Structure formats: C-alpha cells, structure tokens
N, C-alpha and C. Protein backbone atom coordinates (compact mmCIF):
# COMPACT_ATOMS: atom_id res chain seq x y z
N VAL A 1 0.86 -1.16 0.00
CA VAL A 1 0.00 0.00 0.00
C VAL A 1 0.90 1.23 0.00
N PRO A 2 0.72 2.12 -0.96
CA PRO A 2 1.56 3.32 -1.01
C PRO A 2 1.39 4.19 0.24
N ALA A 3 2.44 4.94 0.57
CA ALA A 3 2.37 5.84 1.72
C ALA A 3 1.21 6.81 1.54
N GLY A 4 0.49 7.04 2.62
CA GLY A 4 -0.65 7.96 2.58
C GLY A 4 -1.93 7.33 2.07
N ALA A 5 -1.87 6.06 1.63
CA ALA A 5 -3.07 5.38 1.12
C ALA A 5 -3.93 4.92 2.29
N ALA A 6 -5.12 4.47 1.97
CA ALA A 6 -6.05 4.00 3.00
C ALA A 6 -5.48 2.78 3.72
N ALA A 7 -5.88 2.62 4.94
CA ALA A 7 -5.44 1.46 5.73
C ALA A 7 -6.08 0.19 5.19
N VAL A 8 -5.44 -0.90 5.47
CA VAL A 8 -5.95 -2.20 5.05
C VAL A 8 -6.68 -2.83 6.24
N ARG A 9 -7.88 -3.31 5.98
CA ARG A 9 -8.66 -3.95 7.03
C ARG A 9 -8.54 -5.46 6.86
N VAL A 10 -8.22 -6.16 7.95
CA VAL A 10 -8.03 -7.61 7.91
C VAL A 10 -8.96 -8.24 8.93
N ARG A 11 -9.61 -9.31 8.51
CA ARG A 11 -10.43 -10.08 9.45
C ARG A 11 -9.54 -11.13 10.09
N TYR A 12 -9.58 -11.21 11.39
CA TYR A 12 -8.72 -12.13 12.11
C TYR A 12 -9.54 -12.86 13.16
N GLU A 13 -9.35 -14.15 13.27
CA GLU A 13 -10.03 -14.93 14.30
C GLU A 13 -9.00 -15.53 15.22
N SER A 14 -9.30 -15.47 16.49
CA SER A 14 -8.44 -16.04 17.51
C SER A 14 -9.24 -17.08 18.28
N TYR A 15 -8.59 -18.11 18.71
CA TYR A 15 -9.28 -19.14 19.47
C TYR A 15 -8.84 -19.09 20.94
N ALA A 16 -8.67 -17.87 21.44
CA ALA A 16 -8.25 -17.68 22.82
C ALA A 16 -9.44 -17.54 23.76
N GLY A 17 -10.65 -17.77 23.26
CA GLY A 17 -11.84 -17.70 24.10
C GLY A 17 -12.14 -16.28 24.53
N THR A 18 -12.69 -16.13 25.73
CA THR A 18 -13.07 -14.81 26.21
C THR A 18 -11.86 -13.92 26.50
N GLN A 19 -10.67 -14.49 26.60
CA GLN A 19 -9.46 -13.69 26.81
C GLN A 19 -9.17 -12.81 25.60
N ALA A 20 -9.71 -13.17 24.43
CA ALA A 20 -9.49 -12.37 23.23
C ALA A 20 -10.42 -11.16 23.16
N ASN A 21 -11.40 -11.09 24.04
CA ASN A 21 -12.32 -9.95 24.07
C ASN A 21 -11.63 -8.81 24.82
N VAL A 22 -11.11 -7.84 24.07
CA VAL A 22 -10.36 -6.74 24.68
C VAL A 22 -10.95 -5.40 24.24
N ALA A 23 -10.67 -4.36 25.01
CA ALA A 23 -11.15 -3.01 24.71
C ALA A 23 -10.48 -2.45 23.46
N GLU A 24 -11.06 -1.37 22.92
CA GLU A 24 -10.48 -0.74 21.75
C GLU A 24 -9.08 -0.21 22.06
N ASN A 25 -8.26 -0.15 21.02
CA ASN A 25 -6.88 0.34 21.09
C ASN A 25 -6.00 -0.45 22.05
N THR A 26 -6.34 -1.71 22.29
CA THR A 26 -5.54 -2.57 23.15
C THR A 26 -4.53 -3.36 22.33
N LEU A 27 -4.93 -3.75 21.14
CA LEU A 27 -4.07 -4.55 20.27
C LEU A 27 -3.07 -3.61 19.58
N THR A 28 -1.79 -3.75 19.90
CA THR A 28 -0.77 -2.85 19.34
C THR A 28 0.41 -3.60 18.72
N ALA A 29 0.45 -4.91 18.86
CA ALA A 29 1.57 -5.68 18.32
C ALA A 29 1.06 -7.04 17.85
N MET A 30 1.76 -7.62 16.89
CA MET A 30 1.41 -8.94 16.39
C MET A 30 2.20 -10.01 17.14
N ALA A 31 1.62 -11.16 17.32
CA ALA A 31 2.32 -12.27 17.97
C ALA A 31 3.51 -12.70 17.13
N GLN A 32 3.32 -12.71 15.81
CA GLN A 32 4.41 -13.03 14.87
C GLN A 32 4.45 -11.95 13.81
N PRO A 33 5.56 -11.25 13.66
CA PRO A 33 5.63 -10.17 12.67
C PRO A 33 5.46 -10.70 11.24
N LEU A 34 4.85 -9.89 10.40
CA LEU A 34 4.68 -10.20 8.98
C LEU A 34 5.36 -9.13 8.16
N LYS A 35 5.92 -9.52 7.04
CA LYS A 35 6.58 -8.56 6.16
C LYS A 35 5.59 -7.50 5.71
N TYR A 36 6.05 -6.30 5.60
CA TYR A 36 5.31 -5.16 5.06
C TYR A 36 4.18 -4.67 5.96
N ILE A 37 4.07 -5.20 7.16
CA ILE A 37 3.06 -4.72 8.10
C ILE A 37 3.79 -3.87 9.14
N ALA A 38 3.51 -2.57 9.13
CA ALA A 38 4.21 -1.65 10.02
C ALA A 38 3.50 -1.45 11.35
N HIS A 39 2.16 -1.55 11.34
CA HIS A 39 1.42 -1.22 12.55
C HIS A 39 0.08 -1.96 12.56
N VAL A 40 -0.34 -2.38 13.72
CA VAL A 40 -1.67 -2.99 13.88
C VAL A 40 -2.39 -2.29 15.02
N SER A 41 -3.71 -2.24 14.93
CA SER A 41 -4.50 -1.66 16.00
C SER A 41 -5.93 -2.19 15.91
N ASN A 42 -6.68 -1.99 16.95
CA ASN A 42 -8.10 -2.36 16.95
C ASN A 42 -8.90 -1.13 17.38
N PRO A 43 -9.41 -0.36 16.44
CA PRO A 43 -10.18 0.84 16.78
C PRO A 43 -11.51 0.52 17.46
N LEU A 44 -11.98 -0.70 17.34
CA LEU A 44 -13.21 -1.14 17.99
C LEU A 44 -12.86 -2.24 18.99
N PRO A 45 -13.71 -2.44 20.00
CA PRO A 45 -13.45 -3.55 20.93
C PRO A 45 -13.49 -4.88 20.20
N LEU A 46 -12.66 -5.81 20.60
CA LEU A 46 -12.70 -7.16 20.06
C LEU A 46 -13.62 -7.97 20.96
N CYS A 47 -14.60 -8.59 20.37
CA CYS A 47 -15.56 -9.32 21.18
C CYS A 47 -16.12 -10.48 20.38
N GLY A 48 -16.92 -11.28 21.04
CA GLY A 48 -17.51 -12.45 20.39
C GLY A 48 -16.79 -13.73 20.73
N GLY A 49 -15.65 -13.64 21.42
CA GLY A 49 -14.91 -14.84 21.80
C GLY A 49 -15.61 -15.56 22.93
N GLY A 50 -15.68 -16.85 22.83
CA GLY A 50 -16.31 -17.67 23.86
C GLY A 50 -15.41 -18.80 24.26
N ASP A 51 -15.49 -19.19 25.49
CA ASP A 51 -14.68 -20.31 25.97
C ASP A 51 -15.27 -21.62 25.49
N PRO A 52 -14.43 -22.66 25.39
CA PRO A 52 -14.94 -23.97 24.95
C PRO A 52 -16.04 -24.46 25.87
N PHE A 53 -16.91 -25.30 25.31
CA PHE A 53 -17.99 -25.87 26.11
C PHE A 53 -17.42 -26.77 27.19
N GLY A 54 -17.98 -26.64 28.38
CA GLY A 54 -17.65 -27.54 29.47
C GLY A 54 -18.53 -28.78 29.37
N GLU A 55 -18.45 -29.64 30.38
CA GLU A 55 -19.24 -30.88 30.36
C GLU A 55 -20.74 -30.61 30.32
N GLU A 56 -21.20 -29.63 31.13
CA GLU A 56 -22.63 -29.34 31.19
C GLU A 56 -23.15 -28.80 29.85
N ALA A 57 -22.41 -27.85 29.26
CA ALA A 57 -22.83 -27.28 27.98
C ALA A 57 -22.76 -28.34 26.87
N SER A 58 -21.76 -29.20 26.91
CA SER A 58 -21.67 -30.27 25.91
C SER A 58 -22.85 -31.23 26.03
N ALA A 59 -23.24 -31.53 27.26
CA ALA A 59 -24.39 -32.41 27.47
C ALA A 59 -25.66 -31.76 26.93
N ARG A 60 -25.82 -30.44 27.16
CA ARG A 60 -26.98 -29.72 26.63
C ARG A 60 -26.99 -29.76 25.10
N GLN A 61 -25.83 -29.55 24.49
CA GLN A 61 -25.74 -29.58 23.02
C GLN A 61 -26.09 -30.96 22.47
N THR A 62 -25.63 -32.00 23.14
CA THR A 62 -25.95 -33.36 22.71
C THR A 62 -27.44 -33.62 22.83
N ALA A 63 -28.02 -33.19 23.95
CA ALA A 63 -29.47 -33.36 24.13
C ALA A 63 -30.25 -32.57 23.07
N THR A 64 -29.76 -31.40 22.73
CA THR A 64 -30.40 -30.58 21.69
C THR A 64 -30.37 -31.31 20.35
N LEU A 65 -29.22 -31.86 19.99
CA LEU A 65 -29.11 -32.59 18.71
C LEU A 65 -30.04 -33.79 18.67
N LEU A 66 -30.14 -34.50 19.78
CA LEU A 66 -31.03 -35.66 19.83
C LEU A 66 -32.50 -35.24 19.74
N ARG A 67 -32.83 -34.13 20.42
CA ARG A 67 -34.22 -33.67 20.43
C ARG A 67 -34.64 -33.09 19.09
N THR A 68 -33.78 -32.25 18.49
CA THR A 68 -34.16 -31.54 17.26
C THR A 68 -33.81 -32.31 16.00
N ARG A 69 -32.88 -33.25 16.13
CA ARG A 69 -32.35 -33.97 14.97
C ARG A 69 -31.89 -33.00 13.88
N GLY A 70 -31.36 -31.86 14.34
CA GLY A 70 -30.83 -30.87 13.41
C GLY A 70 -31.87 -30.03 12.72
N ARG A 71 -33.13 -30.13 13.13
CA ARG A 71 -34.18 -29.34 12.49
C ARG A 71 -34.72 -28.33 13.48
N ALA A 72 -34.92 -27.12 13.01
CA ALA A 72 -35.49 -26.09 13.87
C ALA A 72 -36.95 -25.90 13.52
N VAL A 73 -37.82 -26.21 14.46
CA VAL A 73 -39.25 -26.05 14.27
C VAL A 73 -39.76 -24.95 15.21
N THR A 74 -39.38 -25.05 16.48
CA THR A 74 -39.83 -24.08 17.47
C THR A 74 -38.76 -23.02 17.70
N GLU A 75 -39.15 -21.95 18.37
CA GLU A 75 -38.19 -20.90 18.72
C GLU A 75 -37.08 -21.47 19.60
N GLN A 76 -37.41 -22.39 20.49
CA GLN A 76 -36.39 -23.02 21.34
C GLN A 76 -35.39 -23.81 20.50
N ASP A 77 -35.86 -24.47 19.43
CA ASP A 77 -34.95 -25.20 18.54
C ASP A 77 -33.95 -24.25 17.90
N TYR A 78 -34.45 -23.12 17.39
CA TYR A 78 -33.55 -22.12 16.78
C TYR A 78 -32.56 -21.61 17.82
N PHE A 79 -33.04 -21.32 19.02
CA PHE A 79 -32.16 -20.84 20.08
C PHE A 79 -31.06 -21.85 20.38
N ASP A 80 -31.44 -23.10 20.51
CA ASP A 80 -30.46 -24.15 20.83
C ASP A 80 -29.41 -24.28 19.73
N ILE A 81 -29.82 -24.24 18.47
CA ILE A 81 -28.87 -24.35 17.36
C ILE A 81 -27.96 -23.13 17.31
N LEU A 82 -28.53 -21.93 17.51
CA LEU A 82 -27.73 -20.71 17.44
C LEU A 82 -26.75 -20.60 18.60
N THR A 83 -27.14 -21.02 19.80
CA THR A 83 -26.19 -20.97 20.93
C THR A 83 -25.07 -21.98 20.74
N GLY A 84 -25.32 -23.05 20.01
CA GLY A 84 -24.26 -23.99 19.69
C GLY A 84 -23.25 -23.39 18.73
N ALA A 85 -23.70 -22.47 17.89
CA ALA A 85 -22.81 -21.82 16.92
C ALA A 85 -22.08 -20.63 17.53
N CYS A 86 -22.71 -19.98 18.50
CA CYS A 86 -22.14 -18.75 19.06
C CYS A 86 -22.50 -18.67 20.54
N SER A 87 -21.50 -18.73 21.38
CA SER A 87 -21.75 -18.77 22.82
C SER A 87 -22.25 -17.44 23.37
N SER A 88 -22.18 -16.36 22.59
CA SER A 88 -22.64 -15.06 23.10
C SER A 88 -24.13 -14.82 22.85
N VAL A 89 -24.84 -15.76 22.22
CA VAL A 89 -26.29 -15.61 22.01
C VAL A 89 -26.99 -15.79 23.35
N ARG A 90 -27.82 -14.80 23.72
CA ARG A 90 -28.53 -14.87 25.00
C ARG A 90 -30.03 -15.06 24.84
N ARG A 91 -30.63 -14.44 23.84
CA ARG A 91 -32.06 -14.57 23.61
C ARG A 91 -32.32 -14.42 22.12
N ILE A 92 -33.43 -15.00 21.67
CA ILE A 92 -33.87 -14.79 20.29
C ILE A 92 -35.38 -14.60 20.28
N ARG A 93 -35.87 -14.02 19.21
CA ARG A 93 -37.31 -13.90 18.99
C ARG A 93 -37.54 -14.16 17.51
N CYS A 94 -38.39 -15.12 17.19
CA CYS A 94 -38.70 -15.47 15.81
C CYS A 94 -40.01 -14.81 15.38
N ALA A 95 -40.05 -14.34 14.14
CA ALA A 95 -41.26 -13.73 13.59
C ALA A 95 -41.46 -14.23 12.16
N ALA A 96 -42.50 -15.00 11.92
CA ALA A 96 -42.80 -15.50 10.58
C ALA A 96 -43.65 -14.47 9.85
N GLY A 97 -43.32 -14.25 8.57
CA GLY A 97 -44.10 -13.35 7.75
C GLY A 97 -43.79 -11.88 7.98
N ILE A 98 -42.67 -11.59 8.64
CA ILE A 98 -42.26 -10.21 8.91
C ILE A 98 -40.80 -10.06 8.52
N ASP A 99 -40.48 -8.98 7.78
CA ASP A 99 -39.09 -8.77 7.38
C ASP A 99 -38.33 -7.99 8.45
N ARG A 100 -37.05 -7.72 8.18
CA ARG A 100 -36.18 -7.07 9.16
C ARG A 100 -36.63 -5.66 9.53
N ALA A 101 -37.44 -5.02 8.67
CA ALA A 101 -37.94 -3.68 8.96
C ALA A 101 -39.28 -3.71 9.69
N GLY A 102 -39.83 -4.92 9.93
CA GLY A 102 -41.09 -5.05 10.64
C GLY A 102 -42.31 -5.00 9.73
N ARG A 103 -42.09 -5.06 8.42
CA ARG A 103 -43.20 -5.05 7.47
C ARG A 103 -43.64 -6.48 7.16
N ALA A 104 -44.92 -6.61 6.77
CA ALA A 104 -45.44 -7.92 6.37
C ALA A 104 -44.67 -8.41 5.15
N ALA A 105 -44.21 -9.67 5.21
CA ALA A 105 -43.43 -10.25 4.11
C ALA A 105 -43.68 -11.75 4.09
N PRO A 106 -44.65 -12.19 3.29
CA PRO A 106 -44.92 -13.63 3.21
C PRO A 106 -43.67 -14.40 2.79
N GLY A 107 -43.46 -15.55 3.39
CA GLY A 107 -42.33 -16.38 3.02
C GLY A 107 -41.03 -16.02 3.72
N VAL A 108 -41.07 -15.06 4.65
CA VAL A 108 -39.86 -14.63 5.36
C VAL A 108 -39.98 -15.02 6.83
N VAL A 109 -38.90 -15.54 7.38
CA VAL A 109 -38.80 -15.79 8.82
C VAL A 109 -37.64 -14.94 9.32
N THR A 110 -37.93 -14.02 10.24
CA THR A 110 -36.91 -13.14 10.79
C THR A 110 -36.62 -13.57 12.22
N ILE A 111 -35.34 -13.69 12.53
CA ILE A 111 -34.93 -14.05 13.89
C ILE A 111 -34.10 -12.90 14.43
N ALA A 112 -34.61 -12.25 15.48
CA ALA A 112 -33.86 -11.21 16.19
C ALA A 112 -32.99 -11.92 17.21
N VAL A 113 -31.68 -11.70 17.13
CA VAL A 113 -30.71 -12.40 17.98
C VAL A 113 -30.04 -11.40 18.92
N LEU A 114 -30.22 -11.58 20.22
CA LEU A 114 -29.59 -10.72 21.22
C LEU A 114 -28.33 -11.40 21.69
N THR A 115 -27.21 -10.73 21.53
CA THR A 115 -25.92 -11.26 21.97
C THR A 115 -25.46 -10.50 23.20
N ASP A 116 -24.56 -11.10 23.94
CA ASP A 116 -24.00 -10.47 25.13
C ASP A 116 -22.51 -10.25 24.90
N PRO A 117 -21.99 -9.07 25.02
CA PRO A 117 -22.70 -7.88 25.48
C PRO A 117 -23.58 -7.31 24.37
N CYS A 118 -24.76 -6.83 24.76
CA CYS A 118 -25.71 -6.35 23.76
C CYS A 118 -25.52 -4.89 23.44
N ASP A 119 -24.66 -4.19 24.17
CA ASP A 119 -24.50 -2.76 23.95
C ASP A 119 -23.19 -2.40 23.24
N VAL A 120 -22.51 -3.38 22.67
CA VAL A 120 -21.23 -3.12 22.02
C VAL A 120 -21.41 -2.53 20.64
N GLY A 121 -22.45 -2.91 19.94
CA GLY A 121 -22.69 -2.36 18.61
C GLY A 121 -22.76 -3.44 17.56
N GLY A 122 -22.97 -2.99 16.32
CA GLY A 122 -23.20 -3.89 15.21
C GLY A 122 -22.02 -4.74 14.81
N HIS A 123 -20.80 -4.33 15.15
CA HIS A 123 -19.65 -5.12 14.70
C HIS A 123 -19.61 -6.49 15.34
N LEU A 124 -20.09 -6.63 16.58
CA LEU A 124 -20.14 -7.96 17.20
C LEU A 124 -21.12 -8.84 16.45
N PHE A 125 -22.30 -8.29 16.18
CA PHE A 125 -23.32 -9.09 15.51
C PHE A 125 -22.87 -9.50 14.12
N SER A 126 -22.31 -8.57 13.36
CA SER A 126 -21.89 -8.92 12.00
C SER A 126 -20.75 -9.93 12.02
N ALA A 127 -19.96 -9.93 13.10
CA ALA A 127 -18.87 -10.89 13.20
C ALA A 127 -19.37 -12.32 13.40
N VAL A 128 -20.53 -12.49 14.03
CA VAL A 128 -21.03 -13.83 14.32
C VAL A 128 -22.23 -14.23 13.46
N LYS A 129 -22.81 -13.27 12.74
CA LYS A 129 -24.01 -13.54 11.95
C LYS A 129 -23.76 -14.63 10.92
N GLU A 130 -22.65 -14.55 10.20
CA GLU A 130 -22.34 -15.54 9.18
C GLU A 130 -22.17 -16.93 9.79
N ARG A 131 -21.51 -16.99 10.94
CA ARG A 131 -21.31 -18.27 11.62
C ARG A 131 -22.65 -18.88 12.03
N MET A 132 -23.57 -18.04 12.53
CA MET A 132 -24.89 -18.54 12.94
C MET A 132 -25.68 -19.04 11.73
N ALA A 133 -25.64 -18.28 10.63
CA ALA A 133 -26.37 -18.68 9.42
C ALA A 133 -25.82 -20.00 8.88
N GLN A 134 -24.50 -20.14 8.88
CA GLN A 134 -23.88 -21.39 8.41
C GLN A 134 -24.29 -22.56 9.29
N SER A 135 -24.40 -22.32 10.58
CA SER A 135 -24.81 -23.39 11.48
C SER A 135 -26.22 -23.86 11.17
N LEU A 136 -27.11 -22.92 10.88
CA LEU A 136 -28.49 -23.30 10.54
C LEU A 136 -28.53 -24.07 9.23
N VAL A 137 -27.70 -23.69 8.26
CA VAL A 137 -27.65 -24.39 6.98
C VAL A 137 -27.07 -25.79 7.17
N GLN A 138 -25.95 -25.88 7.90
CA GLN A 138 -25.28 -27.17 8.09
C GLN A 138 -26.11 -28.17 8.88
N THR A 139 -26.86 -27.68 9.86
CA THR A 139 -27.66 -28.60 10.67
C THR A 139 -29.00 -28.90 10.03
N GLY A 140 -29.27 -28.25 8.91
CA GLY A 140 -30.58 -28.43 8.28
C GLY A 140 -31.65 -27.70 9.05
N GLY A 141 -31.25 -26.74 9.89
CA GLY A 141 -32.19 -26.02 10.73
C GLY A 141 -32.91 -24.89 10.03
N LEU A 142 -32.69 -24.73 8.75
CA LEU A 142 -33.37 -23.66 8.03
C LEU A 142 -34.84 -23.97 7.89
N VAL A 143 -35.60 -22.94 7.64
CA VAL A 143 -37.04 -23.08 7.46
C VAL A 143 -37.32 -23.88 6.19
N PRO A 144 -38.55 -24.36 6.00
CA PRO A 144 -38.87 -25.17 4.82
C PRO A 144 -38.55 -24.45 3.51
N MET A 145 -38.38 -25.22 2.47
CA MET A 145 -38.03 -24.70 1.15
C MET A 145 -38.98 -23.57 0.74
N GLY A 146 -38.43 -22.61 0.03
CA GLY A 146 -39.24 -21.50 -0.46
C GLY A 146 -39.37 -20.37 0.54
N ARG A 147 -38.73 -20.48 1.67
CA ARG A 147 -38.77 -19.41 2.68
C ARG A 147 -37.41 -18.76 2.80
N THR A 148 -37.40 -17.52 3.23
CA THR A 148 -36.17 -16.76 3.40
C THR A 148 -35.95 -16.53 4.89
N LEU A 149 -34.72 -16.75 5.34
CA LEU A 149 -34.36 -16.55 6.74
C LEU A 149 -33.55 -15.27 6.86
N GLN A 150 -33.91 -14.41 7.81
CA GLN A 150 -33.17 -13.19 8.08
C GLN A 150 -32.75 -13.18 9.54
N LEU A 151 -31.45 -13.06 9.80
CA LEU A 151 -30.93 -12.90 11.16
C LEU A 151 -30.65 -11.42 11.36
N VAL A 152 -31.24 -10.85 12.40
CA VAL A 152 -31.10 -9.41 12.65
C VAL A 152 -30.81 -9.16 14.12
N GLN A 153 -30.28 -7.97 14.39
CA GLN A 153 -30.11 -7.51 15.76
C GLN A 153 -31.40 -6.89 16.24
N PRO A 154 -31.72 -7.01 17.51
CA PRO A 154 -32.89 -6.30 18.03
C PRO A 154 -32.64 -4.79 17.94
N ARG A 155 -33.71 -4.05 17.81
CA ARG A 155 -33.61 -2.59 17.84
C ARG A 155 -34.07 -2.14 19.22
N PHE A 156 -33.22 -1.36 19.87
CA PHE A 156 -33.54 -0.89 21.21
C PHE A 156 -34.13 0.51 21.14
N ILE A 157 -35.07 0.78 22.01
CA ILE A 157 -35.66 2.11 22.09
C ILE A 157 -35.46 2.63 23.51
N ARG A 158 -35.31 3.93 23.62
CA ARG A 158 -35.15 4.55 24.93
C ARG A 158 -36.54 4.70 25.56
N VAL A 159 -36.63 4.34 26.82
CA VAL A 159 -37.90 4.43 27.54
C VAL A 159 -37.70 5.36 28.73
N SER A 160 -38.63 6.26 28.91
CA SER A 160 -38.60 7.16 30.06
C SER A 160 -39.94 7.04 30.78
N ALA A 161 -39.90 6.96 32.08
CA ALA A 161 -41.13 6.83 32.85
C ALA A 161 -41.06 7.73 34.08
N ARG A 162 -42.16 8.34 34.41
CA ARG A 162 -42.27 9.13 35.64
C ARG A 162 -43.29 8.40 36.52
N ILE A 163 -42.88 8.07 37.73
CA ILE A 163 -43.71 7.24 38.60
C ILE A 163 -43.91 7.97 39.93
N TRP A 164 -45.16 8.01 40.37
CA TRP A 164 -45.48 8.57 41.69
C TRP A 164 -45.83 7.40 42.60
N LEU A 165 -45.18 7.36 43.74
CA LEU A 165 -45.41 6.28 44.70
C LEU A 165 -45.89 6.86 46.02
N ARG A 166 -46.67 6.10 46.72
CA ARG A 166 -47.11 6.49 48.06
C ARG A 166 -46.32 5.63 49.04
N CYS A 167 -45.68 6.29 49.96
CA CYS A 167 -44.83 5.60 50.93
C CYS A 167 -45.42 5.80 52.33
N GLY A 168 -45.40 4.75 53.10
CA GLY A 168 -45.98 4.81 54.45
C GLY A 168 -45.30 5.83 55.34
N THR A 169 -43.97 5.78 55.41
CA THR A 169 -43.23 6.72 56.26
C THR A 169 -42.03 7.24 55.50
N MET A 170 -41.53 8.39 55.91
CA MET A 170 -40.35 8.99 55.26
C MET A 170 -39.10 8.15 55.52
N ASP A 171 -39.12 7.32 56.55
CA ASP A 171 -37.96 6.49 56.86
C ASP A 171 -37.69 5.44 55.79
N SER A 172 -38.72 5.06 55.03
CA SER A 172 -38.54 3.99 54.04
C SER A 172 -38.58 4.50 52.59
N VAL A 173 -38.48 5.80 52.37
CA VAL A 173 -38.54 6.37 51.02
C VAL A 173 -37.39 5.85 50.15
N TYR A 174 -36.18 5.90 50.67
CA TYR A 174 -35.02 5.49 49.88
C TYR A 174 -35.10 4.00 49.53
N GLU A 175 -35.49 3.16 50.46
CA GLU A 175 -35.60 1.72 50.21
C GLU A 175 -36.67 1.44 49.15
N LEU A 176 -37.81 2.16 49.24
CA LEU A 176 -38.86 1.98 48.25
C LEU A 176 -38.39 2.42 46.87
N GLN A 177 -37.74 3.56 46.79
CA GLN A 177 -37.22 4.06 45.52
C GLN A 177 -36.23 3.07 44.91
N THR A 178 -35.33 2.57 45.71
CA THR A 178 -34.33 1.61 45.23
C THR A 178 -34.99 0.32 44.76
N ALA A 179 -35.95 -0.19 45.51
CA ALA A 179 -36.62 -1.44 45.14
C ALA A 179 -37.39 -1.29 43.84
N VAL A 180 -38.09 -0.17 43.66
CA VAL A 180 -38.86 0.05 42.44
C VAL A 180 -37.92 0.20 41.25
N ARG A 181 -36.84 0.97 41.40
CA ARG A 181 -35.87 1.15 40.31
C ARG A 181 -35.25 -0.19 39.91
N ASP A 182 -34.91 -1.02 40.89
CA ASP A 182 -34.33 -2.33 40.59
C ASP A 182 -35.31 -3.24 39.86
N ARG A 183 -36.57 -3.23 40.28
CA ARG A 183 -37.58 -4.07 39.62
C ARG A 183 -37.84 -3.61 38.19
N ILE A 184 -37.92 -2.31 37.98
CA ILE A 184 -38.12 -1.80 36.62
C ILE A 184 -36.90 -2.14 35.76
N GLY A 185 -35.72 -1.98 36.31
CA GLY A 185 -34.50 -2.32 35.57
C GLY A 185 -34.46 -3.79 35.18
N THR A 186 -34.84 -4.66 36.10
CA THR A 186 -34.89 -6.09 35.81
C THR A 186 -35.93 -6.39 34.73
N PHE A 187 -37.09 -5.74 34.81
CA PHE A 187 -38.14 -5.95 33.83
C PHE A 187 -37.69 -5.51 32.44
N LEU A 188 -36.98 -4.40 32.34
CA LEU A 188 -36.60 -3.85 31.04
C LEU A 188 -35.27 -4.40 30.51
N ASP A 189 -34.46 -5.02 31.37
CA ASP A 189 -33.16 -5.52 30.96
C ASP A 189 -33.34 -6.62 29.91
N PRO A 190 -32.76 -6.45 28.71
CA PRO A 190 -32.98 -7.45 27.65
C PRO A 190 -32.36 -8.81 27.95
N LEU A 191 -31.44 -8.89 28.88
CA LEU A 191 -30.78 -10.16 29.16
C LEU A 191 -31.41 -10.92 30.32
N THR A 192 -32.45 -10.37 30.95
CA THR A 192 -33.10 -11.09 32.05
C THR A 192 -34.49 -11.52 31.67
C-alpha cells in the first residue's frame, strides 16, 4: 500500500476464548511479525470470543441434537442451534411473515438475535451472523423450502417513565425508591 493510502482492514479470528475480548486500542503488536506490516490496531473492541464448552454445555448440546435432529421447528430449537454456533447468544425472537424492517413479508422468517454484550454495537453481531447462518444451513435447521431466513439484531428504544409512589413513612422512602428502580431495571433488561 503506497504511503498515505487508506489502511488495510483484515479479518482475524483467535481461538483464545473470552481472553481475546479486549477493549479498543488494546491490540498494538502482532504475535508473529509479517513482512510489510508496520502497525496494527483495533479501533473497535474485540468481542464475540467464547470459551470452549464444558461438560454441562456439551451435554446440553448433545441433548439438543437428539431432540431436534438438526431441524429447527420451534423458537427453542432455533435458540439451541444458534447458541451452539455462538456462545454469546442470549435470547432470540422469531417472527414468521415479517421482514427485518417489521413489514409484512410472506415467506420470510426473521430471527432477532440478542448477543451479550448487547451494547457493544453492530460489529459484534456482524462478526457472528455468518457463523450462525452457516450453522443453521449445516444442521438443516433452516425453514422449509421456499422461505427466506433473516438474522437481525434487536432494535432498542429509549424508555422514560415518571412514577409517583405512596410511601408509608419517610424512613422507608429510599428503600422503596431503590426497590422500584431495581424491579423496573430487571423488567426492562434485555438479558433477564
């Protein structure tokens, strides 16, 4: 690349598990130098790495394969197949006949996939989307012939609420406020 030209973007996969998930601008050197590479960096956080399955997770995956026989019929089947492909999948929601924009679309099955961490941004999802789609194809978990499958990220909306509470005594105002805030947070948290 000539001096002053655009940077080169390289896709790199590491099998270091969750240890490879690092903050932005953490990667500054290569493990093994390569000719003509002067500098490396990660302007975005590196994420999506998962540790190998332990005995319990392996047993769940085996039970899933026996139960589904590689076919996804229910939302739980899709969830089980997708978590086998990507350990950061936390929740999914399937919608038949609706496209990624929420419009009616006959013959389309859209699966909204929530990954953890869910607030990192689109680069995590795009990094694992292909792997999840390949897993559905390889396991035969795709929808019946003639249908289109779309894997999408959930869209989050900001919610604001003003709540008036009646408290028995002023001594318990702080405890009541804390308990209500915690319950609302738990209710709205996409991972719970």
